[in-house]
Amino acid sequence: MPFRLLVGLGNPGREYRDTRHNIGFMVLDRLAEAARAGWQTEKAWQTELARDGETLFCKPLTYMNLSGAAVSRVASFYKIPSAEMLVVLDDMALPLGKLRLRGNGSSGGHQGLQSIIEHLGTEDVARLRVGIGAAEPGGAVEHVLGRFALEEAAVLQQSLDRVLEAIAAAQTRGLAAAMNAYN
């Protein structure tokens, strides 16, 4: 079953635009651009939404750690169960460019995903983790809120291309097939 709600995690605001923590927003922006779908701000839900046919794209405008409230409001209004959602997020436990697609599980320490799990009341939410590389010891905050280095640009672009391919595969061939091809 295709995903009806694609959520990209990030932080709102110009100062966070190109940071590692905003890779979910980067992916959703690419998806919307490819679909020629315009973003609309939904202040009541604290989100930006775009649509491609039956698929809704969602960027929570809360800060990362509060993403669940916005996602649950959108899911509730559109009557989208967690089984029909895919969350795209950054993961510093994965090397830059590595993808990890899963159908469920814990947050793995990612506060944005944890917020979604708590608000939806289930760990049964598909997620696509995009590797942003490891932080120096004690430097996690600076790492995730930092920008990609110039020498990482090519790997980042290839990674974003693979993410779009993985999402397309999940939408057309199913999650299991996409996991086999892209993990």
Protein backbone atom coordinates (compact mmCIF):
# COMPACT_ATOMS: atom_id res chain seq x y z
CA MET A 1 0.00 0.00 0.00
CA PRO A 2 1.46 3.38 -0.97
CA PHE A 3 2.18 5.96 1.68
CA ARG A 4 -0.43 8.74 1.83
CA LEU A 5 1.60 10.97 4.16
CA LEU A 6 5.30 11.68 3.69
CA VAL A 7 6.81 13.64 6.58
CA GLY A 8 10.18 15.34 6.44
CA LEU A 9 11.75 16.33 9.74
CA GLY A 10 13.70 19.51 10.24
CA ASN A 11 13.71 22.83 12.04
CA PRO A 12 11.89 25.88 10.66
CA GLY A 13 13.70 29.09 9.92
CA ARG A 14 16.36 30.36 7.58
CA GLU A 15 19.17 29.73 10.08
CA TYR A 16 18.51 25.97 9.93
CA ARG A 17 17.81 25.70 6.20
CA ASP A 18 20.88 23.78 5.04
CA THR A 19 21.81 22.03 8.26
CA ARG A 20 22.28 18.30 8.69
CA HIS A 21 19.22 18.10 10.95
CA ASN A 22 17.08 19.41 8.06
CA ILE A 23 17.74 16.62 5.61
CA GLY A 24 14.08 15.57 5.92
CA PHE A 25 13.00 19.02 4.74
CA MET A 26 15.53 18.82 1.87
CA VAL A 27 14.00 15.53 0.72
CA LEU A 28 10.42 16.83 0.91
CA ASP A 29 11.38 19.98 -0.98
CA ARG A 30 12.82 17.82 -3.76
CA LEU A 31 9.70 15.65 -3.84
CA ALA A 32 7.43 18.68 -4.04
CA GLU A 33 9.58 20.24 -6.75
CA ALA A 34 9.52 17.02 -8.81
CA ALA A 35 5.73 16.88 -8.44
CA ARG A 36 5.41 20.62 -9.14
CA ALA A 37 3.50 20.85 -5.89
CA GLY A 38 3.41 24.17 -4.09
CA TRP A 39 3.77 24.46 -0.33
CA GLN A 40 1.00 25.99 1.74
CA THR A 41 1.42 27.00 5.36
CA GLU A 42 -1.25 25.59 7.66
CA LYS A 43 -0.86 27.74 10.77
CA ALA A 44 -3.46 25.83 12.80
CA TRP A 45 -1.44 22.63 12.42
CA GLN A 46 1.98 24.30 12.41
CA THR A 47 2.95 22.68 9.13
CA GLU A 48 3.70 23.28 5.51
CA LEU A 49 1.76 20.93 3.25
CA ALA A 50 1.98 20.06 -0.43
CA ARG A 51 0.11 17.42 -2.41
CA ASP A 52 0.98 15.06 -5.24
CA GLY A 53 -2.24 13.28 -6.18
CA GLU A 54 -3.27 11.24 -3.15
CA THR A 55 0.07 11.77 -1.40
CA LEU A 56 0.43 14.55 1.12
CA PHE A 57 3.85 16.03 1.93
CA CYS A 58 4.28 17.48 5.42
CA LYS A 59 7.01 19.62 6.97
CA PRO A 60 6.25 20.33 10.65
CA LEU A 61 6.98 23.97 11.50
CA THR A 62 7.44 23.18 15.15
CA TYR A 63 11.00 22.60 16.21
CA MET A 64 12.29 19.08 15.64
CA ASN A 65 11.60 17.77 19.14
CA LEU A 66 7.93 18.80 18.92
CA SER A 67 7.17 17.36 15.47
CA GLY A 68 4.66 14.81 16.72
CA ALA A 69 1.94 17.33 17.56
CA ALA A 70 1.88 18.71 14.01
CA VAL A 71 2.06 15.28 12.37
CA SER A 72 -0.73 13.85 14.52
CA ARG A 73 -3.01 16.82 13.71
CA VAL A 74 -2.50 16.35 9.97
CA ALA A 75 -2.95 12.57 10.19
CA SER A 76 -6.09 12.96 12.25
CA PHE A 77 -7.68 15.53 9.93
CA TYR A 78 -6.96 13.50 6.78
CA LYS A 79 -7.70 10.18 8.54
CA ILE A 80 -4.30 8.73 7.66
CA PRO A 81 -3.29 5.76 9.83
CA SER A 82 0.34 5.34 10.89
CA ALA A 83 0.64 2.39 8.47
CA GLU A 84 0.26 4.87 5.58
CA MET A 85 3.00 7.28 6.75
CA LEU A 86 6.70 7.52 6.01
CA VAL A 87 8.96 9.79 8.06
CA VAL A 88 12.25 10.99 6.55
CA LEU A 89 14.88 12.00 9.11
CA ASP A 90 18.57 12.47 9.70
CA ASP A 91 20.70 9.87 11.49
CA MET A 92 24.20 10.59 12.77
CA ALA A 93 24.73 6.91 13.61
CA LEU A 94 24.89 6.25 9.86
CA PRO A 95 27.73 7.34 7.58
CA LEU A 96 26.95 10.23 5.25
CA GLY A 97 24.86 8.91 2.38
CA LYS A 98 23.83 5.59 3.95
CA LEU A 99 20.08 4.89 4.04
CA ARG A 100 18.12 2.79 6.52
CA LEU A 101 14.48 2.09 5.73
CA ARG A 102 12.31 0.38 8.37
CA GLY A 103 8.62 -0.28 8.87
CA ASN A 104 8.64 0.28 12.63
CA GLY A 105 10.79 0.33 15.74
CA SER A 106 12.03 2.66 18.42
CA SER A 107 13.14 6.23 17.84
CA GLY A 108 16.79 5.25 18.23
CA GLY A 109 17.27 8.41 20.28
CA HIS A 110 16.00 10.78 17.57
CA GLN A 111 13.80 13.27 19.42
CA GLY A 112 11.71 14.25 16.38
CA LEU A 113 10.81 10.64 15.67
CA GLN A 114 10.22 10.04 19.39
CA SER A 115 7.73 12.91 19.44
CA ILE A 116 5.85 11.39 16.49
CA ILE A 117 5.79 7.95 18.14
CA GLU A 118 4.46 9.45 21.36
CA HIS A 119 1.74 11.53 19.67
CA LEU A 120 0.59 8.69 17.43
CA GLY A 121 0.80 6.18 20.27
CA THR A 122 2.66 3.59 18.19
CA GLU A 123 6.13 2.63 16.95
CA ASP A 124 4.49 1.25 13.79
CA VAL A 125 5.53 4.19 11.64
CA ALA A 126 7.77 3.62 8.62
CA ARG A 127 10.92 5.69 8.62
CA LEU A 128 13.73 6.41 6.22
CA ARG A 129 16.87 7.40 8.06
CA VAL A 130 19.44 9.33 6.03
CA GLY A 131 23.01 9.17 7.27
CA ILE A 132 24.62 12.51 8.09
CA GLY A 133 27.84 11.11 9.56
CA ALA A 134 29.01 10.89 13.13
CA ALA A 135 29.67 13.81 15.42
CA GLU A 136 32.89 14.36 17.31
CA PRO A 137 32.57 13.23 20.94
CA GLY A 138 30.49 15.79 22.83
CA GLY A 139 29.65 17.69 19.65
CA ALA A 140 26.28 16.22 18.66
CA VAL A 141 24.33 19.49 18.79
CA GLU A 142 26.92 21.40 16.78
CA HIS A 143 27.07 18.55 14.28
CA VAL A 144 23.35 18.21 13.57
CA LEU A 145 22.84 21.99 13.51
CA GLY A 146 25.91 22.47 11.33
CA ARG A 147 26.02 22.68 7.57
CA PHE A 148 27.50 20.08 5.26
CA ALA A 149 31.11 20.72 4.32
CA LEU A 150 31.92 21.61 0.72
CA GLU A 151 33.71 18.27 0.24
CA GLU A 152 30.51 16.46 1.30
CA ALA A 153 28.35 18.12 -1.37
CA ALA A 154 28.67 15.37 -4.00
CA VAL A 155 27.89 12.59 -1.51
CA LEU A 156 24.94 14.61 -0.17
CA GLN A 157 23.47 15.07 -3.66
CA GLN A 158 23.88 11.35 -4.44
CA SER A 159 22.27 10.53 -1.11
CA LEU A 160 19.28 12.77 -1.80
CA ASP A 161 18.88 11.16 -5.24
CA ARG A 162 18.92 7.68 -3.64
CA VAL A 163 16.35 8.78 -1.04
CA LEU A 164 13.96 9.83 -3.81
CA GLU A 165 14.54 6.50 -5.56
CA ALA A 166 13.92 4.60 -2.31
CA ILE A 167 10.67 6.47 -1.68
CA ALA A 168 9.51 5.85 -5.25
CA ALA A 169 10.34 2.15 -4.86
CA ALA A 170 8.41 1.98 -1.58
CA GLN A 171 5.44 3.71 -3.21
CA THR A 172 5.34 1.44 -6.27
CA ARG A 173 6.86 -1.89 -5.18
CA GLY A 174 6.20 -1.83 -1.44
CA LEU A 175 8.26 -1.24 1.67
CA ALA A 176 9.87 -4.69 1.80
CA ALA A 177 11.14 -4.43 -1.78
CA ALA A 178 12.50 -0.93 -1.14
CA MET A 179 14.21 -2.12 2.05
CA ASN A 180 15.90 -4.95 0.13
CA ALA A 181 17.08 -2.57 -2.59
CA TYR A 182 18.19 0.45 -0.55
CA ASN A 183 19.29 -0.67 2.94
